[in-house]
PDB file of N, CA and C in Angstrom:
ATOM      1  N   UNK A   1     141.857 110.251  94.107  1.00  0.00           N
ATOM      2  CA  UNK A   1     141.979 109.946  92.711  1.00  0.00           C
ATOM      3  C   UNK A   1     140.605 109.654  92.204  1.00  0.00           C
ATOM      4  N   UNK A   2     140.261 110.102  90.928  1.00  0.00           N
ATOM      5  CA  UNK A   2     139.021 109.974  90.225  1.00  0.00           C
ATOM      6  C   UNK A   2     139.112 108.737  89.418  1.00  0.00           C
ATOM      7  N   UNK A   3     138.141 107.845  89.565  1.00  0.00           N
ATOM      8  CA  UNK A   3     138.013 106.637  88.699  1.00  0.00           C
ATOM      9  C   UNK A   3     137.344 106.915  87.455  1.00  0.00           C
ATOM     10  N   UNK A   4     138.035 107.381  86.344  1.00  0.00           N
ATOM     11  CA  UNK A   4     137.437 107.774  85.123  1.00  0.00           C
ATOM     12  C   UNK A   4     136.680 106.620  84.403  1.00  0.00           C
ATOM     13  N   UNK A   5     137.210 105.424  84.600  1.00  0.00           N
ATOM     14  CA  UNK A   5     136.610 104.311  83.924  1.00  0.00           C
ATOM     15  C   UNK A   5     135.273 104.023  84.413  1.00  0.00           C
ATOM     16  N   UNK A   6     135.062 104.043  85.686  1.00  0.00           N
ATOM     17  CA  UNK A   6     133.742 103.881  86.382  1.00  0.00           C
ATOM     18  C   UNK A   6     132.835 104.962  85.939  1.00  0.00           C
ATOM     19  N   UNK A   7     133.307 106.263  86.001  1.00  0.00           N
ATOM     20  CA  UNK A   7     132.544 107.340  85.678  1.00  0.00           C
ATOM     21  C   UNK A   7     132.106 107.166  84.297  1.00  0.00           C
ATOM     22  N   UNK A   8     132.876 106.868  83.381  1.00  0.00           N
ATOM     23  CA  UNK A   8     132.461 106.780  82.011  1.00  0.00           C
ATOM     24  C   UNK A   8     131.471 105.772  81.686  1.00  0.00           C
ATOM     25  N   UNK A   9     131.662 104.501  82.461  1.00  0.00           N
ATOM     26  CA  UNK A   9     130.772 103.380  82.257  1.00  0.00           C
ATOM     27  C   UNK A   9     129.378 103.848  82.694  1.00  0.00           C
ATOM     28  N   UNK A  10     129.259 104.603  83.832  1.00  0.00           N
ATOM     29  CA  UNK A  10     127.858 104.937  84.317  1.00  0.00           C
ATOM     30  C   UNK A  10     127.312 106.151  83.446  1.00  0.00           C
ATOM     31  N   UNK A  11     128.080 107.073  82.969  1.00  0.00           N
ATOM     32  CA  UNK A  11     127.653 108.194  82.101  1.00  0.00           C
ATOM     33  C   UNK A  11     127.236 107.629  80.766  1.00  0.00           C
ATOM     34  N   UNK A  12     127.832 106.507  80.276  1.00  0.00           N
ATOM     35  CA  UNK A  12     127.352 105.993  79.004  1.00  0.00           C
ATOM     36  C   UNK A  12     125.987 105.469  79.160  1.00  0.00           C
ATOM     37  N   UNK A  13     125.764 104.808  80.339  1.00  0.00           N
ATOM     38  CA  UNK A  13     124.445 104.267  80.573  1.00  0.00           C
ATOM     39  C   UNK A  13     123.452 105.398  80.747  1.00  0.00           C
ATOM     40  N   UNK A  14     123.809 106.399  81.282  1.00  0.00           N
ATOM     41  CA  UNK A  14     123.025 107.640  81.504  1.00  0.00           C
ATOM     42  C   UNK A  14     122.532 108.136  80.187  1.00  0.00           C
ATOM     43  N   UNK A  15     123.522 108.274  79.301  1.00  0.00           N
ATOM     44  CA  UNK A  15     123.331 108.932  77.937  1.00  0.00           C
ATOM     45  C   UNK A  15     122.356 108.044  77.108  1.00  0.00           C
ATOM     46  N   UNK A  16     122.693 106.679  77.207  1.00  0.00           N
ATOM     47  CA  UNK A  16     121.859 105.692  76.436  1.00  0.00           C
ATOM     48  C   UNK A  16     120.354 105.760  76.983  1.00  0.00           C
ATOM     49  N   UNK A  17     120.195 105.871  78.302  1.00  0.00           N
ATOM     50  CA  UNK A  17     118.834 105.874  78.891  1.00  0.00           C
ATOM     51  C   UNK A  17     118.125 107.119  78.454  1.00  0.00           C
ATOM     52  N   UNK A  18     118.865 108.155  78.453  1.00  0.00           N
ATOM     53  CA  UNK A  18     118.300 109.545  77.983  1.00  0.00           C
ATOM     54  C   UNK A  18     117.854 109.500  76.615  1.00  0.00           C
ATOM     55  N   UNK A  19     118.587 108.851  75.727  1.00  0.00           N
ATOM     56  CA  UNK A  19     118.287 108.643  74.312  1.00  0.00           C
ATOM     57  C   UNK A  19     116.963 107.834  74.185  1.00  0.00           C
ATOM     58  N   UNK A  20     116.891 106.815  75.109  1.00  0.00           N
ATOM     59  CA  UNK A  20     115.662 105.913  74.995  1.00  0.00           C
ATOM     60  C   UNK A  20     114.408 106.741  75.459  1.00  0.00           C
ATOM     61  N   UNK A  21     114.627 107.626  76.497  1.00  0.00           N
ATOM     62  CA  UNK A  21     113.515 108.442  77.026  1.00  0.00           C
ATOM     63  C   UNK A  21     113.149 109.423  75.838  1.00  0.00           C
ATOM     64  N   UNK A  22     114.072 109.916  75.136  1.00  0.00           N
ATOM     65  CA  UNK A  22     113.690 110.802  73.946  1.00  0.00           C
ATOM     66  C   UNK A  22     112.839 110.025  73.013  1.00  0.00           C
ATOM     67  N   UNK A  23     113.175 108.741  72.595  1.00  0.00           N
ATOM     68  CA  UNK A  23     112.482 107.940  71.717  1.00  0.00           C
ATOM     69  C   UNK A  23     111.058 107.709  72.200  1.00  0.00           C
ATOM     70  N   UNK A  24     110.965 107.350  73.560  1.00  0.00           N
ATOM     71  CA  UNK A  24     109.682 107.246  74.099  1.00  0.00           C
ATOM     72  C   UNK A  24     108.803 108.508  74.021  1.00  0.00           C
ATOM     73  N   UNK A  25     109.392 109.632  74.207  1.00  0.00           N
ATOM     74  CA  UNK A  25     108.751 110.879  73.919  1.00  0.00           C
ATOM     75  C   UNK A  25     108.172 111.073  72.654  1.00  0.00           C
ATOM     76  N   UNK A  26     109.069 110.708  71.537  1.00  0.00           N
ATOM     77  CA  UNK A  26     108.613 110.756  70.212  1.00  0.00           C
ATOM     78  C   UNK A  26     107.460 109.798  69.942  1.00  0.00           C
ATOM     79  N   UNK A  27     107.413 108.601  70.643  1.00  0.00           N
ATOM     80  CA  UNK A  27     106.412 107.629  70.462  1.00  0.00           C
ATOM     81  C   UNK A  27     105.148 107.987  71.378  1.00  0.00           C
ATOM     82  N   UNK A  28     105.168 109.050  72.130  1.00  0.00           N
ATOM     83  CA  UNK A  28     104.124 109.475  72.999  1.00  0.00           C
ATOM     84  C   UNK A  28     103.902 108.497  74.126  1.00  0.00           C
ATOM     85  N   UNK A  29     104.948 107.820  74.523  1.00  0.00           N
ATOM     86  CA  UNK A  29     104.992 106.846  75.659  1.00  0.00           C
ATOM     87  C   UNK A  29     105.420 107.760  76.784  1.00  0.00           C
ATOM     88  N   UNK A  30     104.603 108.628  77.226  1.00  0.00           N
ATOM     89  CA  UNK A  30     105.131 109.678  78.182  1.00  0.00           C
ATOM     90  C   UNK A  30     105.456 109.249  79.577  1.00  0.00           C
ATOM     91  N   UNK A  31     104.772 108.227  79.954  1.00  0.00           N
ATOM     92  CA  UNK A  31     105.095 107.652  81.286  1.00  0.00           C
ATOM     93  C   UNK A  31     106.520 107.045  81.364  1.00  0.00           C
ATOM     94  N   UNK A  32     106.848 106.344  80.222  1.00  0.00           N
ATOM     95  CA  UNK A  32     108.155 105.705  80.183  1.00  0.00           C
ATOM     96  C   UNK A  32     109.182 106.686  79.887  1.00  0.00           C
ATOM     97  N   UNK A  33     109.000 107.807  79.218  1.00  0.00           N
ATOM     98  CA  UNK A  33     109.854 108.813  78.943  1.00  0.00           C
ATOM     99  C   UNK A  33     110.212 109.428  80.321  1.00  0.00           C
ATOM    100  N   UNK A  34     109.170 109.646  81.108  1.00  0.00           N
ATOM    101  CA  UNK A  34     109.487 110.239  82.340  1.00  0.00           C
ATOM    102  C   UNK A  34     110.165 109.408  83.395  1.00  0.00           C
ATOM    103  N   UNK A  35     109.917 108.101  83.380  1.00  0.00           N
ATOM    104  CA  UNK A  35     110.694 107.199  84.241  1.00  0.00           C
ATOM    105  C   UNK A  35     112.154 107.121  83.738  1.00  0.00           C
ATOM    106  N   UNK A  36     112.368 106.951  82.395  1.00  0.00           N
ATOM    107  CA  UNK A  36     113.750 106.890  81.917  1.00  0.00           C
ATOM    108  C   UNK A  36     114.508 108.169  82.107  1.00  0.00           C
ATOM    109  N   UNK A  37     113.765 109.350  82.161  1.00  0.00           N
ATOM    110  CA  UNK A  37     114.507 110.616  82.368  1.00  0.00           C
ATOM    111  C   UNK A  37     115.066 110.541  83.814  1.00  0.00           C
ATOM    112  N   UNK A  38     114.115 110.055  84.738  1.00  0.00           N
ATOM    113  CA  UNK A  38     114.590 109.965  86.173  1.00  0.00           C
ATOM    114  C   UNK A  38     115.846 108.946  86.262  1.00  0.00           C
ATOM    115  N   UNK A  39     115.684 107.870  85.592  1.00  0.00           N
ATOM    116  CA  UNK A  39     116.848 106.882  85.647  1.00  0.00           C
ATOM    117  C   UNK A  39     118.043 107.541  85.001  1.00  0.00           C
ATOM    118  N   UNK A  40     118.021 108.177  83.870  1.00  0.00           N
ATOM    119  CA  UNK A  40     119.195 108.835  83.358  1.00  0.00           C
ATOM    120  C   UNK A  40     119.829 109.843  84.320  1.00  0.00           C
ATOM    121  N   UNK A  41     118.955 110.680  85.078  1.00  0.00           N
ATOM    122  CA  UNK A  41     119.506 111.553  86.052  1.00  0.00           C
ATOM    123  C   UNK A  41     120.300 110.788  87.262  1.00  0.00           C
ATOM    124  N   UNK A  42     119.540 109.744  87.569  1.00  0.00           N
ATOM    125  CA  UNK A  42     120.063 108.831  88.754  1.00  0.00           C
ATOM    126  C   UNK A  42     121.538 108.207  88.278  1.00  0.00           C
ATOM    127  N   UNK A  43     121.640 107.724  87.157  1.00  0.00           N
ATOM    128  CA  UNK A  43     122.855 107.182  86.622  1.00  0.00           C
ATOM    129  C   UNK A  43     123.966 108.225  86.533  1.00  0.00           C
ATOM    130  N   UNK A  44     123.608 109.415  86.175  1.00  0.00           N
ATOM    131  CA  UNK A  44     124.618 110.449  86.019  1.00  0.00           C
ATOM    132  C   UNK A  44     125.155 110.882  87.344  1.00  0.00           C
ATOM    133  N   UNK A  45     124.234 111.071  88.326  1.00  0.00           N
ATOM    134  CA  UNK A  45     124.698 111.283  89.670  1.00  0.00           C
ATOM    135  C   UNK A  45     125.515 110.291  90.265  1.00  0.00           C
ATOM    136  N   UNK A  46     125.077 109.056  90.035  1.00  0.00           N
ATOM    137  CA  UNK A  46     125.855 107.885  90.601  1.00  0.00           C
ATOM    138  C   UNK A  46     127.245 107.865  89.831  1.00  0.00           C
ATOM    139  N   UNK A  47     127.262 108.259  88.536  1.00  0.00           N
ATOM    140  CA  UNK A  47     128.548 108.292  87.799  1.00  0.00           C
ATOM    141  C   UNK A  47     129.512 109.164  88.579  1.00  0.00           C
ATOM    142  N   UNK A  48     129.150 110.219  88.950  1.00  0.00           N
ATOM    143  CA  UNK A  48     130.039 111.180  89.671  1.00  0.00           C
ATOM    144  C   UNK A  48     130.490 110.642  90.989  1.00  0.00           C
ATOM    145  N   UNK A  49     129.478 110.134  91.776  1.00  0.00           N
ATOM    146  CA  UNK A  49     129.800 109.617  93.068  1.00  0.00           C
ATOM    147  C   UNK A  49     130.701 108.318  92.949  1.00  0.00           C
ATOM    148  N   UNK A  50     130.460 107.430  92.079  1.00  0.00           N
ATOM    149  CA  UNK A  50     131.306 106.357  91.862  1.00  0.00           C
ATOM    150  C   UNK A  50     132.686 106.769  91.279  1.00  0.00           C
ATOM    151  N   UNK A  51     132.828 107.786  90.548  1.00  0.00           N
ATOM    152  CA  UNK A  51     134.004 108.302  90.198  1.00  0.00           C
ATOM    153  C   UNK A  51     134.809 108.798  91.142  1.00  0.00           C
ATOM    154  N   UNK A  52     134.107 109.308  92.182  1.00  0.00           N
ATOM    155  CA  UNK A  52     134.887 109.908  93.349  1.00  0.00           C
ATOM    156  C   UNK A  52     135.173 108.794  94.458  1.00  0.00           C
ATOM    157  N   UNK A  53     134.731 107.592  94.091  1.00  0.00           N
ATOM    158  CA  UNK A  53     135.006 106.526  94.992  1.00  0.00           C
ATOM    159  C   UNK A  53     133.923 106.499  96.115  1.00  0.00           C
ATOM    160  N   UNK A  54     132.854 107.106  96.089  1.00  0.00           N
ATOM    161  CA  UNK A  54     131.733 107.090  97.035  1.00  0.00           C
ATOM    162  C   UNK A  54     130.643 106.167  96.806  1.00  0.00           C
ATOM    163  N   UNK A  55     130.219 105.306  97.750  1.00  0.00           N
ATOM    164  CA  UNK A  55     129.140 104.428  97.532  1.00  0.00           C
ATOM    165  C   UNK A  55     127.835 105.200  97.165  1.00  0.00           C
ATOM    166  N   UNK A  56     127.161 104.701  96.221  1.00  0.00           N
ATOM    167  CA  UNK A  56     125.904 105.336  95.707  1.00  0.00           C
ATOM    168  C   UNK A  56     124.803 104.271  95.674  1.00  0.00           C
ATOM    169  N   UNK A  57     124.019 104.388  96.698  1.00  0.00           N
ATOM    170  CA  UNK A  57     122.946 103.383  96.840  1.00  0.00           C
ATOM    171  C   UNK A  57     121.648 104.052  96.839  1.00  0.00           C
ATOM    172  N   UNK A  58     120.542 103.434  96.396  1.00  0.00           N
ATOM    173  CA  UNK A  58     119.202 104.039  96.325  1.00  0.00           C
ATOM    174  C   UNK A  58     118.978 104.608  95.004  1.00  0.00           C
ATOM    175  N   UNK A  59     117.705 105.041  94.905  1.00  0.00           N
ATOM    176  CA  UNK A  59     117.227 105.509  93.531  1.00  0.00           C
ATOM    177  C   UNK A  59     116.725 107.081  93.632  1.00  0.00           C
ATOM    178  N   UNK A  60     116.817 107.613  94.781  1.00  0.00           N
ATOM    179  CA  UNK A  60     116.318 109.038  94.777  1.00  0.00           C
ATOM    180  C   UNK A  60     117.641 109.909  94.493  1.00  0.00           C
ATOM    181  N   UNK A  61     117.361 110.742  93.452  1.00  0.00           N
ATOM    182  CA  UNK A  61     118.400 111.613  93.025  1.00  0.00           C
ATOM    183  C   UNK A  61     118.635 112.642  94.180  1.00  0.00           C
ATOM    184  N   UNK A  62     117.633 113.070  94.677  1.00  0.00           N
ATOM    185  CA  UNK A  62     117.763 114.090  95.844  1.00  0.00           C
ATOM    186  C   UNK A  62     118.661 113.601  96.885  1.00  0.00           C
ATOM    187  N   UNK A  63     118.388 112.289  97.336  1.00  0.00           N
ATOM    188  CA  UNK A  63     119.306 111.795  98.304  1.00  0.00           C
ATOM    189  C   UNK A  63     120.679 111.604  97.901  1.00  0.00           C
ATOM    190  N   UNK A  64     120.902 111.214  96.618  1.00  0.00           N
ATOM    191  CA  UNK A  64     122.231 111.068  96.122  1.00  0.00           C
ATOM    192  C   UNK A  64     123.001 112.364  96.067  1.00  0.00           C
ATOM    193  N   UNK A  65     122.219 113.414  95.688  1.00  0.00           N
ATOM    194  CA  UNK A  65     122.832 114.705  95.597  1.00  0.00           C
ATOM    195  C   UNK A  65     123.309 115.141  97.119  1.00  0.00           C
ATOM    196  N   UNK A  66     122.429 114.819  98.106  1.00  0.00           N
ATOM    197  CA  UNK A  66     122.822 115.024  99.472  1.00  0.00           C
ATOM    198  C   UNK A  66     124.198 114.544  99.774  1.00  0.00           C
ATOM    199  N   UNK A  67     124.429 113.320  99.231  1.00  0.00           N
ATOM    200  CA  UNK A  67     125.749 112.615  99.410  1.00  0.00           C
ATOM    201  C   UNK A  67     126.875 113.510  98.847  1.00  0.00           C
ATOM    202  N   UNK A  68     126.444 114.266  97.823  1.00  0.00           N
ATOM    203  CA  UNK A  68     127.567 114.848  97.063  1.00  0.00           C
ATOM    204  C   UNK A  68     127.809 116.311  97.712  1.00  0.00           C
ATOM    205  N   UNK A  69     126.987 116.686  98.650  1.00  0.00           N
ATOM    206  CA  UNK A  69     127.223 118.137  99.239  1.00  0.00           C
ATOM    207  C   UNK A  69     128.615 118.247  99.938  1.00  0.00           C
ATOM    208  N   UNK A  70     129.183 117.149 100.432  1.00  0.00           N
ATOM    209  CA  UNK A  70     130.477 117.113 100.948  1.00  0.00           C
ATOM    210  C   UNK A  70     131.426 117.661  99.971  1.00  0.00           C
ATOM    211  N   UNK A  71     131.329 117.420  98.667  1.00  0.00           N
ATOM    212  CA  UNK A  71     132.273 117.823  97.666  1.00  0.00           C
ATOM    213  C   UNK A  71     132.003 119.138  97.068  1.00  0.00           C
ATOM    214  N   UNK A  72     130.974 119.911  97.573  1.00  0.00           N
ATOM    215  CA  UNK A  72     130.657 121.199  97.055  1.00  0.00           C
ATOM    216  C   UNK A  72     130.307 121.154  95.549  1.00  0.00           C
ATOM    217  N   UNK A  73     129.619 120.164  95.112  1.00  0.00           N
ATOM    218  CA  UNK A  73     129.389 120.032  93.680  1.00  0.00           C
ATOM    219  C   UNK A  73     127.962 120.325  93.309  1.00  0.00           C
ATOM    220  N   UNK A  74     127.144 120.735  94.194  1.00  0.00           N
ATOM    221  CA  UNK A  74     125.840 121.051  93.901  1.00  0.00           C
ATOM    222  C   UNK A  74     125.682 122.533  93.616  1.00  0.00           C
ATOM    223  N   UNK A  75     125.169 122.842  92.426  1.00  0.00           N
ATOM    224  CA  UNK A  75     124.984 124.115  91.931  1.00  0.00           C
ATOM    225  C   UNK A  75     123.544 124.444  91.500  1.00  0.00           C
ATOM    226  N   UNK A  76     123.096 125.759  91.612  1.00  0.00           N
ATOM    227  CA  UNK A  76     121.885 126.197  91.147  1.00  0.00           C
ATOM    228  C   UNK A  76     120.584 125.398  91.673  1.00  0.00           C
ATOM    229  N   UNK A  77     119.723 125.195  90.777  1.00  0.00           N
ATOM    230  CA  UNK A  77     118.482 124.510  91.120  1.00  0.00           C
ATOM    231  C   UNK A  77     118.607 122.996  90.877  1.00  0.00           C
ATOM    232  N   UNK A  78     119.707 122.371  90.983  1.00  0.00           N
ATOM    233  CA  UNK A  78     119.846 120.966  90.708  1.00  0.00           C
ATOM    234  C   UNK A  78     118.921 120.097  91.509  1.00  0.00           C
ATOM    235  N   UNK A  79     118.835 120.376  92.898  1.00  0.00           N
ATOM    236  CA  UNK A  79     118.115 119.702  93.789  1.00  0.00           C
ATOM    237  C   UNK A  79     116.616 119.822  93.431  1.00  0.00           C
ATOM    238  N   UNK A  80     116.142 120.992  93.035  1.00  0.00           N
ATOM    239  CA  UNK A  80     114.827 121.176  92.518  1.00  0.00           C
ATOM    240  C   UNK A  80     114.500 120.328  91.290  1.00  0.00           C
ATOM    241  N   UNK A  81     115.445 120.320  90.413  1.00  0.00           N
ATOM    242  CA  UNK A  81     115.177 119.481  89.206  1.00  0.00           C
ATOM    243  C   UNK A  81     115.230 117.931  89.580  1.00  0.00           C
ATOM    244  N   UNK A  82     116.006 117.541  90.639  1.00  0.00           N
ATOM    245  CA  UNK A  82     116.015 116.162  91.061  1.00  0.00           C
ATOM    246  C   UNK A  82     114.679 115.782  91.624  1.00  0.00           C
ATOM    247  N   UNK A  83     114.079 116.718  92.437  1.00  0.00           N
ATOM    248  CA  UNK A  83     112.742 116.401  92.999  1.00  0.00           C
ATOM    249  C   UNK A  83     111.695 116.228  91.965  1.00  0.00           C
ATOM    250  N   UNK A  84     111.792 116.936  90.806  1.00  0.00           N
ATOM    251  CA  UNK A  84     110.888 116.834  89.677  1.00  0.00           C
ATOM    252  C   UNK A  84     111.109 115.415  89.149  1.00  0.00           C
ATOM    253  N   UNK A  85     112.268 114.993  88.909  1.00  0.00           N
ATOM    254  CA  UNK A  85     112.451 113.680  88.258  1.00  0.00           C
ATOM    255  C   UNK A  85     112.201 112.461  89.201  1.00  0.00           C
ATOM    256  N   UNK A  86     112.512 112.690  90.548  1.00  0.00           N
ATOM    257  CA  UNK A  86     112.145 111.599  91.524  1.00  0.00           C
ATOM    258  C   UNK A  86     110.671 111.223  91.556  1.00  0.00           C
ATOM    259  N   UNK A  87     109.849 112.266  91.288  1.00  0.00           N
ATOM    260  CA  UNK A  87     108.348 111.954  91.301  1.00  0.00           C
ATOM    261  C   UNK A  87     107.956 110.891  90.262  1.00  0.00           C
ATOM    262  N   UNK A  88     108.795 110.539  89.342  1.00  0.00           N
ATOM    263  CA  UNK A  88     108.422 109.675  88.321  1.00  0.00           C
ATOM    264  C   UNK A  88     109.039 108.285  88.514  1.00  0.00           C
ATOM    265  N   UNK A  89     109.667 108.072  89.599  1.00  0.00           N
ATOM    266  CA  UNK A  89     110.287 106.753  89.832  1.00  0.00           C
ATOM    267  C   UNK A  89     109.260 105.676  89.902  1.00  0.00           C
ATOM    268  N   UNK A  90     108.189 105.799  90.848  1.00  0.00           N
ATOM    269  CA  UNK A  90     107.368 104.706  90.962  1.00  0.00           C
ATOM    270  C   UNK A  90     106.001 104.915  90.078  1.00  0.00           C
ATOM    271  N   UNK A  91     105.294 106.028  90.179  1.00  0.00           N
ATOM    272  CA  UNK A  91     104.007 106.273  89.543  1.00  0.00           C
ATOM    273  C   UNK A  91     104.019 106.091  88.078  1.00  0.00           C
ATOM    274  N   UNK A  92     105.109 106.335  87.411  1.00  0.00           N
ATOM    275  CA  UNK A  92     105.236 106.116  85.934  1.00  0.00           C
ATOM    276  C   UNK A  92     105.129 104.698  85.432  1.00  0.00           C
ATOM    277  N   UNK A  93     105.304 103.754  86.544  1.00  0.00           N
ATOM    278  CA  UNK A  93     105.290 102.287  86.144  1.00  0.00           C
ATOM    279  C   UNK A  93     104.236 101.520  86.697  1.00  0.00           C
ATOM    280  N   UNK A  94     103.799 101.817  87.912  1.00  0.00           N
ATOM    281  CA  UNK A  94     102.893 100.958  88.599  1.00  0.00           C
ATOM    282  C   UNK A  94     101.467 101.388  88.675  1.00  0.00           C
ATOM    283  N   UNK A  95     100.578 100.592  88.146  1.00  0.00           N
ATOM    284  CA  UNK A  95      99.088 100.932  88.193  1.00  0.00           C
ATOM    285  C   UNK A  95      98.603 101.271  89.577  1.00  0.00           C
ATOM    286  N   UNK A  96      99.130 100.496  90.620  1.00  0.00           N
ATOM    287  CA  UNK A  96      98.649 100.868  91.939  1.00  0.00           C
ATOM    288  C   UNK A  96      99.100 102.099  92.599  1.00  0.00           C
ATOM    289  N   UNK A  97      99.859 102.950  91.801  1.00  0.00           N
ATOM    290  CA  UNK A  97     100.347 104.126  92.356  1.00  0.00           C
ATOM    291  C   UNK A  97      99.113 105.214  92.219  1.00  0.00           C
ATOM    292  N   UNK A  98      98.185 104.866  91.485  1.00  0.00           N
ATOM    293  CA  UNK A  98      96.933 105.740  91.374  1.00  0.00           C
ATOM    294  C   UNK A  98      95.733 104.976  91.837  1.00  0.00           C
ATOM    295  N   UNK A  99      94.729 105.761  92.342  1.00  0.00           N
ATOM    296  CA  UNK A  99      93.533 104.989  92.865  1.00  0.00           C
ATOM    297  C   UNK A  99      92.686 104.300  91.806  1.00  0.00           C
ATOM    298  N   UNK A 100      92.897 104.748  90.518  1.00  0.00           N
ATOM    299  CA  UNK A 100      92.253 104.110  89.470  1.00  0.00           C
ATOM    300  C   UNK A 100      93.044 104.362  88.154  1.00  0.00           C
ATOM    301  N   UNK A 101      92.731 103.630  87.131  1.00  0.00           N
ATOM    302  CA  UNK A 101      93.512 103.856  85.871  1.00  0.00           C
ATOM    303  C   UNK A 101      94.874 103.276  85.839  1.00  0.00           C
ATOM    304  N   UNK A 102      95.634 103.464  84.782  1.00  0.00           N
ATOM    305  CA  UNK A 102      96.947 102.977  84.497  1.00  0.00           C
ATOM    306  C   UNK A 102      97.943 104.239  84.386  1.00  0.00           C
ATOM    307  N   UNK A 103      99.262 104.012  84.667  1.00  0.00           N
ATOM    308  CA  UNK A 103     100.096 105.203  84.673  1.00  0.00           C
ATOM    309  C   UNK A 103     100.091 105.929  83.317  1.00  0.00           C
ATOM    310  N   UNK A 104     100.036 105.358  82.251  1.00  0.00           N
ATOM    311  CA  UNK A 104     100.081 106.002  80.939  1.00  0.00           C
ATOM    312  C   UNK A 104      98.937 107.032  80.845  1.00  0.00           C
ATOM    313  N   UNK A 105      97.791 106.809  81.455  1.00  0.00           N
ATOM    314  CA  UNK A 105      96.729 107.766  81.517  1.00  0.00           C
ATOM    315  C   UNK A 105      96.959 109.050  82.150  1.00  0.00           C
ATOM    316  N   UNK A 106      98.023 109.095  83.068  1.00  0.00           N
ATOM    317  CA  UNK A 106      98.197 110.282  83.846  1.00  0.00           C
ATOM    318  C   UNK A 106      99.511 111.077  83.325  1.00  0.00           C
ATOM    319  N   UNK A 107     100.129 110.702  82.219  1.00  0.00           N
ATOM    320  CA  UNK A 107     101.301 111.392  81.819  1.00  0.00           C
ATOM    321  C   UNK A 107     100.909 111.984  80.456  1.00  0.00           C
ATOM    322  N   UNK A 108     101.433 113.072  80.121  1.00  0.00           N
ATOM    323  CA  UNK A 108     101.162 113.833  78.889  1.00  0.00           C
ATOM    324  C   UNK A 108     102.434 114.598  78.431  1.00  0.00           C
ATOM    325  N   UNK A 109     102.215 115.252  77.376  1.00  0.00           N
ATOM    326  CA  UNK A 109     103.399 115.865  76.599  1.00  0.00           C
ATOM    327  C   UNK A 109     104.030 116.924  77.541  1.00  0.00           C
ATOM    328  N   UNK A 110     103.285 117.610  78.241  1.00  0.00           N
ATOM    329  CA  UNK A 110     103.866 118.637  79.210  1.00  0.00           C
ATOM    330  C   UNK A 110     104.754 117.990  80.295  1.00  0.00           C
ATOM    331  N   UNK A 111     104.272 116.954  80.805  1.00  0.00           N
ATOM    332  CA  UNK A 111     105.006 116.294  81.906  1.00  0.00           C
ATOM    333  C   UNK A 111     106.257 115.747  81.300  1.00  0.00           C
ATOM    334  N   UNK A 112     106.210 115.178  80.160  1.00  0.00           N
ATOM    335  CA  UNK A 112     107.367 114.576  79.576  1.00  0.00           C
ATOM    336  C   UNK A 112     108.449 115.644  79.144  1.00  0.00           C
ATOM    337  N   UNK A 113     107.901 116.881  78.735  1.00  0.00           N
ATOM    338  CA  UNK A 113     108.896 117.881  78.400  1.00  0.00           C
ATOM    339  C   UNK A 113     109.460 118.320  79.595  1.00  0.00           C
ATOM    340  N   UNK A 114     108.801 118.489  80.672  1.00  0.00           N
ATOM    341  CA  UNK A 114     109.367 118.928  81.969  1.00  0.00           C
ATOM    342  C   UNK A 114     110.500 117.916  82.399  1.00  0.00           C
ATOM    343  N   UNK A 115     110.109 116.603  82.357  1.00  0.00           N
ATOM    344  CA  UNK A 115     111.089 115.602  82.801  1.00  0.00           C
ATOM    345  C   UNK A 115     112.424 115.646  81.928  1.00  0.00           C
ATOM    346  N   UNK A 116     112.239 115.812  80.600  1.00  0.00           N
ATOM    347  CA  UNK A 116     113.444 115.899  79.810  1.00  0.00           C
ATOM    348  C   UNK A 116     114.190 117.192  79.963  1.00  0.00           C
ATOM    349  N   UNK A 117     113.590 118.164  80.529  1.00  0.00           N
ATOM    350  CA  UNK A 117     114.233 119.487  80.709  1.00  0.00           C
ATOM    351  C   UNK A 117     114.382 120.271  79.495  1.00  0.00           C
ATOM    352  N   UNK A 118     113.348 120.179  78.511  1.00  0.00           N
ATOM    353  CA  UNK A 118     113.414 120.834  77.276  1.00  0.00           C
ATOM    354  C   UNK A 118     113.031 122.253  77.405  1.00  0.00           C
TER     355      UNK A 118
END
């Protein structure tokens, strides 16, 4: 049985976070745009897993998708897209992810466009 209420709850958060990422893109806050794009994808995958009644732990979209392989729900280049997003989980936020500088200095329009999938 599919838990539609739990699915909808997580998808609502995914949608809101994606809207926030788009606002960050408009404001040229590219590192936050990329991080929030990753979070939105994570929430969306967790929505499906939780709807199916499967425990969904961790923050790697790739790893969460592997949990979904049992259900034959992975199509096309979804894992490749997940890898792109997962790269933004830590470095977009933490200055010590780079040898020098701050995260915002390493993100640009092109990186944000790729994260948003435009």
